[in-house]
Amino acid sequence: INNGGLIQAARIDKQGGKVRLTGLGPGASVLNTGTVDASAGDIDSRGGRVVVAADTIEQRGTLRADATGDRGGSVKLVGKSRVTLDAGSEISVTSAAAKGGTVKATGEQLELNFDAEVDASGARGGGQVLLLSLIHISE
């Protein structure tokens, strides 16, 4: 899957939208150089969810699940082999009035390069940023 444009899923029923980019099968990859936005559609709503899953994920664009009045949303990157947050990458789950949301990135290899930015800030406290590299040990 290659996204170089805008994918937007805003809702106005107390929660932002949901976006899933899923590469299926061995060796499947997702490259995002565009914008995926599941932010809240109004001042009372919680940020939405963005999920990216594939064997390898390369994130160079923007993933956003922000909120203005309620809690920030969530962004989850699940790479079997590798997740790369590359130059220009921006992940945002902020809230202007409440707590920030959650960002979780997991992969056998996890790379944070150059000026990659992850923001889970909130007016009433920061959210969670979990960057997990999965290590396999065989005997």
N, C-alpha and C. Protein backbone atom coordinates (compact mmCIF):
# COMPACT_ATOMS: atom_id res chain seq x y z
N ILE A 1 0.86 -1.17 0.00
CA ILE A 1 0.00 0.00 0.00
C ILE A 1 0.90 1.22 0.00
N ASN A 2 0.68 2.14 -0.93
CA ASN A 2 1.41 3.40 -0.97
C ASN A 2 0.39 4.54 -0.89
N ASN A 3 0.47 5.34 0.16
CA ASN A 3 -0.40 6.51 0.29
C ASN A 3 0.44 7.76 0.18
N GLY A 4 0.16 8.56 -0.83
CA GLY A 4 0.84 9.83 -1.01
C GLY A 4 -0.13 11.00 -0.96
N GLY A 5 -1.40 10.72 -0.69
CA GLY A 5 -2.42 11.76 -0.68
C GLY A 5 -3.00 11.98 0.70
N LEU A 6 -4.28 12.29 0.74
CA LEU A 6 -4.99 12.56 1.99
C LEU A 6 -6.07 11.51 2.20
N ILE A 7 -6.04 10.86 3.35
CA ILE A 7 -7.12 9.98 3.79
C ILE A 7 -7.66 10.60 5.05
N GLN A 8 -8.97 10.93 5.04
CA GLN A 8 -9.54 11.63 6.18
C GLN A 8 -10.82 10.93 6.61
N ALA A 9 -10.95 10.69 7.92
CA ALA A 9 -12.12 10.02 8.47
C ALA A 9 -12.55 10.75 9.74
N ALA A 10 -13.23 11.86 9.59
CA ALA A 10 -13.72 12.64 10.74
C ALA A 10 -15.18 12.26 11.00
N ARG A 11 -15.54 12.21 12.28
CA ARG A 11 -16.93 11.93 12.64
C ARG A 11 -17.38 12.97 13.65
N ILE A 12 -18.65 13.10 13.82
CA ILE A 12 -19.17 14.08 14.77
C ILE A 12 -20.01 13.43 15.86
N ASP A 13 -19.78 12.15 16.14
CA ASP A 13 -20.57 11.47 17.17
C ASP A 13 -19.73 11.05 18.37
N LYS A 14 -19.00 12.00 18.93
CA LYS A 14 -18.21 11.83 20.15
C LYS A 14 -16.90 11.08 19.95
N GLN A 15 -16.53 10.75 18.72
CA GLN A 15 -15.24 10.12 18.48
C GLN A 15 -14.84 10.35 17.03
N GLY A 16 -13.55 10.58 16.83
CA GLY A 16 -13.06 10.72 15.47
C GLY A 16 -13.23 9.42 14.70
N GLY A 17 -12.91 9.44 13.43
CA GLY A 17 -13.07 8.26 12.59
C GLY A 17 -12.00 7.21 12.81
N LYS A 18 -12.06 6.15 12.00
CA LYS A 18 -11.12 5.05 12.08
C LYS A 18 -10.55 4.80 10.69
N VAL A 19 -9.23 4.64 10.62
CA VAL A 19 -8.57 4.33 9.35
C VAL A 19 -7.63 3.15 9.59
N ARG A 20 -7.71 2.14 8.72
CA ARG A 20 -6.81 0.98 8.77
C ARG A 20 -6.14 0.83 7.43
N LEU A 21 -4.80 0.81 7.45
CA LEU A 21 -4.02 0.49 6.26
C LEU A 21 -3.34 -0.84 6.56
N THR A 22 -3.72 -1.89 5.84
CA THR A 22 -3.22 -3.23 6.15
C THR A 22 -2.64 -3.88 4.90
N GLY A 23 -1.37 -4.21 4.96
CA GLY A 23 -0.73 -4.98 3.90
C GLY A 23 -0.79 -6.44 4.26
N LEU A 24 -1.40 -7.26 3.42
CA LEU A 24 -1.61 -8.67 3.73
C LEU A 24 -0.57 -9.55 3.06
N GLY A 25 -0.18 -10.61 3.73
CA GLY A 25 0.72 -11.59 3.17
C GLY A 25 2.18 -11.33 3.48
N PRO A 26 3.02 -12.35 3.26
CA PRO A 26 4.44 -12.22 3.53
C PRO A 26 5.08 -11.15 2.64
N GLY A 27 5.91 -10.33 3.24
CA GLY A 27 6.60 -9.29 2.48
C GLY A 27 5.76 -8.07 2.13
N ALA A 28 4.51 -8.03 2.60
CA ALA A 28 3.64 -6.87 2.31
C ALA A 28 4.20 -5.63 3.00
N SER A 29 4.04 -4.48 2.35
CA SER A 29 4.57 -3.25 2.94
C SER A 29 3.57 -2.11 2.81
N VAL A 30 3.71 -1.15 3.71
CA VAL A 30 2.94 0.09 3.67
C VAL A 30 3.93 1.24 3.68
N LEU A 31 3.79 2.15 2.72
CA LEU A 31 4.59 3.37 2.66
C LEU A 31 3.62 4.54 2.72
N ASN A 32 3.76 5.38 3.75
CA ASN A 32 2.91 6.57 3.86
C ASN A 32 3.77 7.81 3.72
N THR A 33 3.54 8.56 2.65
CA THR A 33 4.19 9.85 2.47
C THR A 33 3.15 10.97 2.49
N GLY A 34 1.89 10.59 2.62
CA GLY A 34 0.79 11.56 2.64
C GLY A 34 0.31 11.82 4.04
N THR A 35 -1.01 12.08 4.16
CA THR A 35 -1.63 12.37 5.44
C THR A 35 -2.80 11.44 5.68
N VAL A 36 -2.82 10.82 6.86
CA VAL A 36 -3.96 10.02 7.31
C VAL A 36 -4.48 10.73 8.55
N ASP A 37 -5.73 11.21 8.49
CA ASP A 37 -6.28 12.05 9.55
C ASP A 37 -7.58 11.47 10.08
N ALA A 38 -7.58 11.03 11.35
CA ALA A 38 -8.78 10.53 12.01
C ALA A 38 -9.08 11.39 13.24
N SER A 39 -8.82 12.67 13.10
CA SER A 39 -9.05 13.61 14.21
C SER A 39 -10.54 13.79 14.46
N ALA A 40 -10.85 14.30 15.65
CA ALA A 40 -12.24 14.55 16.03
C ALA A 40 -12.85 15.59 15.11
N GLY A 41 -14.12 15.40 14.79
CA GLY A 41 -14.82 16.30 13.89
C GLY A 41 -15.44 17.51 14.56
N ASP A 42 -15.54 17.51 15.89
CA ASP A 42 -16.09 18.66 16.59
C ASP A 42 -15.43 18.82 17.94
N ILE A 43 -15.78 19.86 18.66
CA ILE A 43 -15.10 20.21 19.91
C ILE A 43 -15.38 19.23 21.05
N ASP A 44 -16.47 18.46 20.99
CA ASP A 44 -16.81 17.54 22.08
C ASP A 44 -16.32 16.12 21.85
N SER A 45 -15.74 15.84 20.71
CA SER A 45 -15.41 14.46 20.36
C SER A 45 -13.98 14.07 20.71
N ARG A 46 -13.80 12.79 20.96
CA ARG A 46 -12.49 12.18 21.20
C ARG A 46 -11.82 11.92 19.85
N GLY A 47 -10.47 11.98 19.84
CA GLY A 47 -9.74 11.66 18.62
C GLY A 47 -10.01 10.23 18.18
N GLY A 48 -9.85 9.96 16.90
CA GLY A 48 -10.14 8.64 16.35
C GLY A 48 -8.97 7.69 16.44
N ARG A 49 -8.96 6.69 15.51
CA ARG A 49 -7.91 5.67 15.52
C ARG A 49 -7.33 5.50 14.13
N VAL A 50 -6.01 5.35 14.10
CA VAL A 50 -5.29 5.01 12.87
C VAL A 50 -4.49 3.76 13.17
N VAL A 51 -4.67 2.72 12.34
CA VAL A 51 -3.92 1.48 12.50
C VAL A 51 -3.23 1.18 11.17
N VAL A 52 -1.93 0.94 11.23
CA VAL A 52 -1.15 0.55 10.07
C VAL A 52 -0.48 -0.78 10.40
N ALA A 53 -0.72 -1.80 9.56
CA ALA A 53 -0.16 -3.13 9.82
C ALA A 53 0.36 -3.73 8.52
N ALA A 54 1.57 -4.30 8.58
CA ALA A 54 2.18 -4.96 7.43
C ALA A 54 3.48 -5.61 7.88
N ASP A 55 4.12 -6.33 6.97
CA ASP A 55 5.43 -6.90 7.28
C ASP A 55 6.43 -5.76 7.53
N THR A 56 6.47 -4.77 6.62
CA THR A 56 7.31 -3.59 6.81
C THR A 56 6.47 -2.33 6.64
N ILE A 57 6.75 -1.35 7.48
CA ILE A 57 6.05 -0.07 7.44
C ILE A 57 7.09 1.04 7.37
N GLU A 58 6.92 1.93 6.40
CA GLU A 58 7.77 3.11 6.31
C GLU A 58 6.88 4.33 6.38
N GLN A 59 7.04 5.09 7.45
CA GLN A 59 6.23 6.26 7.73
C GLN A 59 7.06 7.52 7.48
N ARG A 60 6.69 8.28 6.45
CA ARG A 60 7.35 9.54 6.14
C ARG A 60 6.38 10.72 6.17
N GLY A 61 5.10 10.45 6.24
CA GLY A 61 4.08 11.49 6.18
C GLY A 61 3.53 11.82 7.55
N THR A 62 2.21 12.07 7.60
CA THR A 62 1.53 12.48 8.82
C THR A 62 0.43 11.49 9.17
N LEU A 63 0.41 11.06 10.42
CA LEU A 63 -0.67 10.26 10.98
C LEU A 63 -1.24 11.07 12.14
N ARG A 64 -2.54 11.36 12.09
CA ARG A 64 -3.11 12.28 13.07
C ARG A 64 -4.43 11.73 13.62
N ALA A 65 -4.60 11.80 14.97
CA ALA A 65 -5.84 11.43 15.64
C ALA A 65 -6.04 12.40 16.81
N ASP A 66 -6.04 13.69 16.50
CA ASP A 66 -6.13 14.74 17.51
C ASP A 66 -7.56 15.01 17.95
N ALA A 67 -7.68 15.72 19.08
CA ALA A 67 -8.98 16.15 19.58
C ALA A 67 -8.85 17.57 20.10
N THR A 68 -9.96 18.31 20.09
CA THR A 68 -9.93 19.66 20.63
C THR A 68 -10.54 19.73 22.02
N GLY A 69 -11.61 18.97 22.29
CA GLY A 69 -12.28 19.06 23.58
C GLY A 69 -12.16 17.83 24.44
N ASP A 70 -12.01 16.67 23.84
CA ASP A 70 -11.93 15.42 24.59
C ASP A 70 -10.51 14.84 24.45
N ARG A 71 -10.32 13.62 24.86
CA ARG A 71 -9.00 12.96 24.85
C ARG A 71 -8.51 12.72 23.41
N GLY A 72 -7.18 12.79 23.24
CA GLY A 72 -6.58 12.47 21.96
C GLY A 72 -6.84 11.01 21.60
N GLY A 73 -6.75 10.68 20.33
CA GLY A 73 -7.04 9.33 19.87
C GLY A 73 -5.83 8.41 19.95
N SER A 74 -5.75 7.46 19.00
CA SER A 74 -4.65 6.50 19.03
C SER A 74 -4.11 6.23 17.63
N VAL A 75 -2.80 6.00 17.55
CA VAL A 75 -2.13 5.58 16.33
C VAL A 75 -1.34 4.33 16.69
N LYS A 76 -1.55 3.26 15.91
CA LYS A 76 -0.88 1.99 16.17
C LYS A 76 -0.19 1.53 14.88
N LEU A 77 1.11 1.27 14.97
CA LEU A 77 1.90 0.76 13.85
C LEU A 77 2.40 -0.63 14.23
N VAL A 78 1.99 -1.64 13.48
CA VAL A 78 2.36 -3.01 13.78
C VAL A 78 3.10 -3.59 12.57
N GLY A 79 4.41 -3.65 12.68
CA GLY A 79 5.24 -4.21 11.61
C GLY A 79 5.85 -5.52 12.05
N LYS A 80 5.66 -6.56 11.25
CA LYS A 80 6.24 -7.85 11.62
C LYS A 80 7.76 -7.77 11.58
N SER A 81 8.32 -7.27 10.48
CA SER A 81 9.78 -7.20 10.34
C SER A 81 10.34 -5.85 10.76
N ARG A 82 9.75 -4.75 10.23
CA ARG A 82 10.37 -3.45 10.46
C ARG A 82 9.34 -2.33 10.44
N VAL A 83 9.54 -1.38 11.35
CA VAL A 83 8.79 -0.12 11.35
C VAL A 83 9.82 1.00 11.33
N THR A 84 9.70 1.90 10.35
CA THR A 84 10.61 3.03 10.23
C THR A 84 9.82 4.33 10.30
N LEU A 85 10.20 5.19 11.25
CA LEU A 85 9.68 6.56 11.31
C LEU A 85 10.80 7.41 10.74
N ASP A 86 10.63 7.84 9.50
CA ASP A 86 11.72 8.44 8.74
C ASP A 86 11.64 9.97 8.77
N ALA A 87 12.57 10.60 8.09
CA ALA A 87 12.64 12.06 8.00
C ALA A 87 11.28 12.61 7.56
N GLY A 88 10.78 13.60 8.27
CA GLY A 88 9.50 14.22 7.94
C GLY A 88 8.30 13.53 8.54
N SER A 89 8.51 12.40 9.21
CA SER A 89 7.41 11.67 9.82
C SER A 89 6.81 12.47 10.98
N GLU A 90 5.49 12.53 11.02
CA GLU A 90 4.80 13.22 12.11
C GLU A 90 3.63 12.36 12.56
N ILE A 91 3.60 12.04 13.87
CA ILE A 91 2.49 11.30 14.46
C ILE A 91 1.96 12.16 15.60
N SER A 92 0.64 12.43 15.57
CA SER A 92 0.05 13.35 16.53
C SER A 92 -1.26 12.79 17.08
N VAL A 93 -1.36 12.72 18.42
CA VAL A 93 -2.58 12.29 19.12
C VAL A 93 -2.84 13.27 20.27
N THR A 94 -2.80 14.54 19.97
CA THR A 94 -2.88 15.58 20.99
C THR A 94 -4.33 15.93 21.35
N SER A 95 -4.46 16.66 22.46
CA SER A 95 -5.75 17.21 22.86
C SER A 95 -5.55 18.63 23.37
N ALA A 96 -6.36 19.54 22.88
CA ALA A 96 -6.27 20.94 23.29
C ALA A 96 -6.91 21.19 24.65
N ALA A 97 -7.77 20.26 25.14
CA ALA A 97 -8.47 20.50 26.38
C ALA A 97 -8.39 19.36 27.39
N ALA A 98 -7.97 18.18 26.96
CA ALA A 98 -7.93 17.03 27.86
C ALA A 98 -6.57 16.34 27.78
N LYS A 99 -6.52 15.04 28.06
CA LYS A 99 -5.28 14.26 28.00
C LYS A 99 -4.93 13.87 26.57
N GLY A 100 -3.62 13.77 26.33
CA GLY A 100 -3.17 13.28 25.03
C GLY A 100 -3.52 11.81 24.85
N GLY A 101 -3.42 11.33 23.62
CA GLY A 101 -3.79 9.95 23.31
C GLY A 101 -2.63 8.98 23.41
N THR A 102 -2.68 7.92 22.59
CA THR A 102 -1.71 6.83 22.66
C THR A 102 -1.10 6.55 21.29
N VAL A 103 0.23 6.42 21.26
CA VAL A 103 0.95 5.98 20.07
C VAL A 103 1.69 4.71 20.44
N LYS A 104 1.52 3.66 19.61
CA LYS A 104 2.21 2.40 19.85
C LYS A 104 2.81 1.93 18.54
N ALA A 105 4.12 1.68 18.53
CA ALA A 105 4.80 1.16 17.35
C ALA A 105 5.59 -0.08 17.76
N THR A 106 5.34 -1.20 17.08
CA THR A 106 6.05 -2.44 17.38
C THR A 106 6.58 -3.07 16.11
N GLY A 107 7.73 -3.69 16.22
CA GLY A 107 8.32 -4.39 15.09
C GLY A 107 9.59 -5.09 15.52
N GLU A 108 10.00 -6.09 14.76
CA GLU A 108 11.26 -6.77 15.07
C GLU A 108 12.40 -5.76 15.04
N GLN A 109 12.36 -4.85 14.06
CA GLN A 109 13.30 -3.73 14.01
C GLN A 109 12.48 -2.45 14.04
N LEU A 110 12.89 -1.52 14.86
CA LEU A 110 12.22 -0.23 14.98
C LEU A 110 13.25 0.86 14.77
N GLU A 111 13.01 1.73 13.78
CA GLU A 111 13.96 2.79 13.46
C GLU A 111 13.29 4.15 13.59
N LEU A 112 13.93 5.04 14.34
CA LEU A 112 13.52 6.44 14.46
C LEU A 112 14.62 7.26 13.83
N ASN A 113 14.35 7.88 12.69
CA ASN A 113 15.39 8.56 11.94
C ASN A 113 15.17 10.06 11.86
N PHE A 114 16.27 10.78 11.76
CA PHE A 114 16.31 12.21 11.46
C PHE A 114 15.37 13.00 12.35
N ASP A 115 14.41 13.69 11.76
CA ASP A 115 13.55 14.58 12.53
C ASP A 115 12.14 14.01 12.73
N ALA A 116 12.02 12.70 12.87
CA ALA A 116 10.71 12.08 13.12
C ALA A 116 10.12 12.65 14.41
N GLU A 117 8.83 12.96 14.38
CA GLU A 117 8.17 13.59 15.53
C GLU A 117 6.98 12.77 15.99
N VAL A 118 6.90 12.51 17.30
CA VAL A 118 5.76 11.82 17.91
C VAL A 118 5.25 12.72 19.03
N ASP A 119 3.97 13.11 18.97
CA ASP A 119 3.41 14.07 19.94
C ASP A 119 2.12 13.52 20.54
N ALA A 120 2.14 13.27 21.85
CA ALA A 120 0.96 12.80 22.58
C ALA A 120 0.64 13.77 23.72
N SER A 121 0.88 15.05 23.48
CA SER A 121 0.67 16.05 24.53
C SER A 121 -0.82 16.38 24.68
N GLY A 122 -1.14 16.90 25.87
CA GLY A 122 -2.51 17.31 26.14
C GLY A 122 -2.53 18.40 27.18
N ALA A 123 -3.59 19.20 27.17
CA ALA A 123 -3.72 20.30 28.12
C ALA A 123 -3.83 19.80 29.57
N ARG A 124 -4.35 18.59 29.75
CA ARG A 124 -4.50 18.02 31.10
C ARG A 124 -3.58 16.83 31.33
N GLY A 125 -2.49 16.79 30.60
CA GLY A 125 -1.51 15.72 30.78
C GLY A 125 -1.23 15.01 29.48
N GLY A 126 -0.01 14.53 29.38
CA GLY A 126 0.40 13.81 28.19
C GLY A 126 -0.19 12.42 28.13
N GLY A 127 -0.23 11.88 26.95
CA GLY A 127 -0.70 10.50 26.76
C GLY A 127 0.45 9.53 26.87
N GLN A 128 0.41 8.46 26.07
CA GLN A 128 1.44 7.43 26.11
C GLN A 128 2.08 7.26 24.75
N VAL A 129 3.40 7.09 24.73
CA VAL A 129 4.14 6.74 23.52
C VAL A 129 4.92 5.48 23.85
N LEU A 130 4.58 4.38 23.16
CA LEU A 130 5.22 3.09 23.39
C LEU A 130 5.90 2.67 22.10
N LEU A 131 7.23 2.59 22.12
CA LEU A 131 8.03 2.16 20.97
C LEU A 131 8.71 0.86 21.36
N LEU A 132 8.26 -0.25 20.80
CA LEU A 132 8.73 -1.57 21.22
C LEU A 132 9.39 -2.32 20.08
N SER A 133 10.63 -2.68 20.25
CA SER A 133 11.34 -3.51 19.30
C SER A 133 11.28 -4.93 19.82
N LEU A 134 10.76 -5.83 19.02
CA LEU A 134 10.60 -7.22 19.44
C LEU A 134 11.85 -8.01 19.10
N ILE A 135 12.48 -8.59 20.08
CA ILE A 135 13.70 -9.34 19.88
C ILE A 135 13.39 -10.82 20.03
N HIS A 136 13.79 -11.59 19.01
CA HIS A 136 13.60 -13.04 19.05
C HIS A 136 14.92 -13.71 19.39
N ILE A 137 14.90 -14.54 20.41
CA ILE A 137 16.10 -15.27 20.81
C ILE A 137 15.83 -16.75 20.60
N SER A 138 16.67 -17.40 19.80
CA SER A 138 16.50 -18.83 19.58
C SER A 138 17.66 -19.58 20.22
N GLU A 139 17.38 -20.76 20.69
CA GLU A 139 18.41 -21.57 21.34
C GLU A 139 18.84 -22.71 20.46
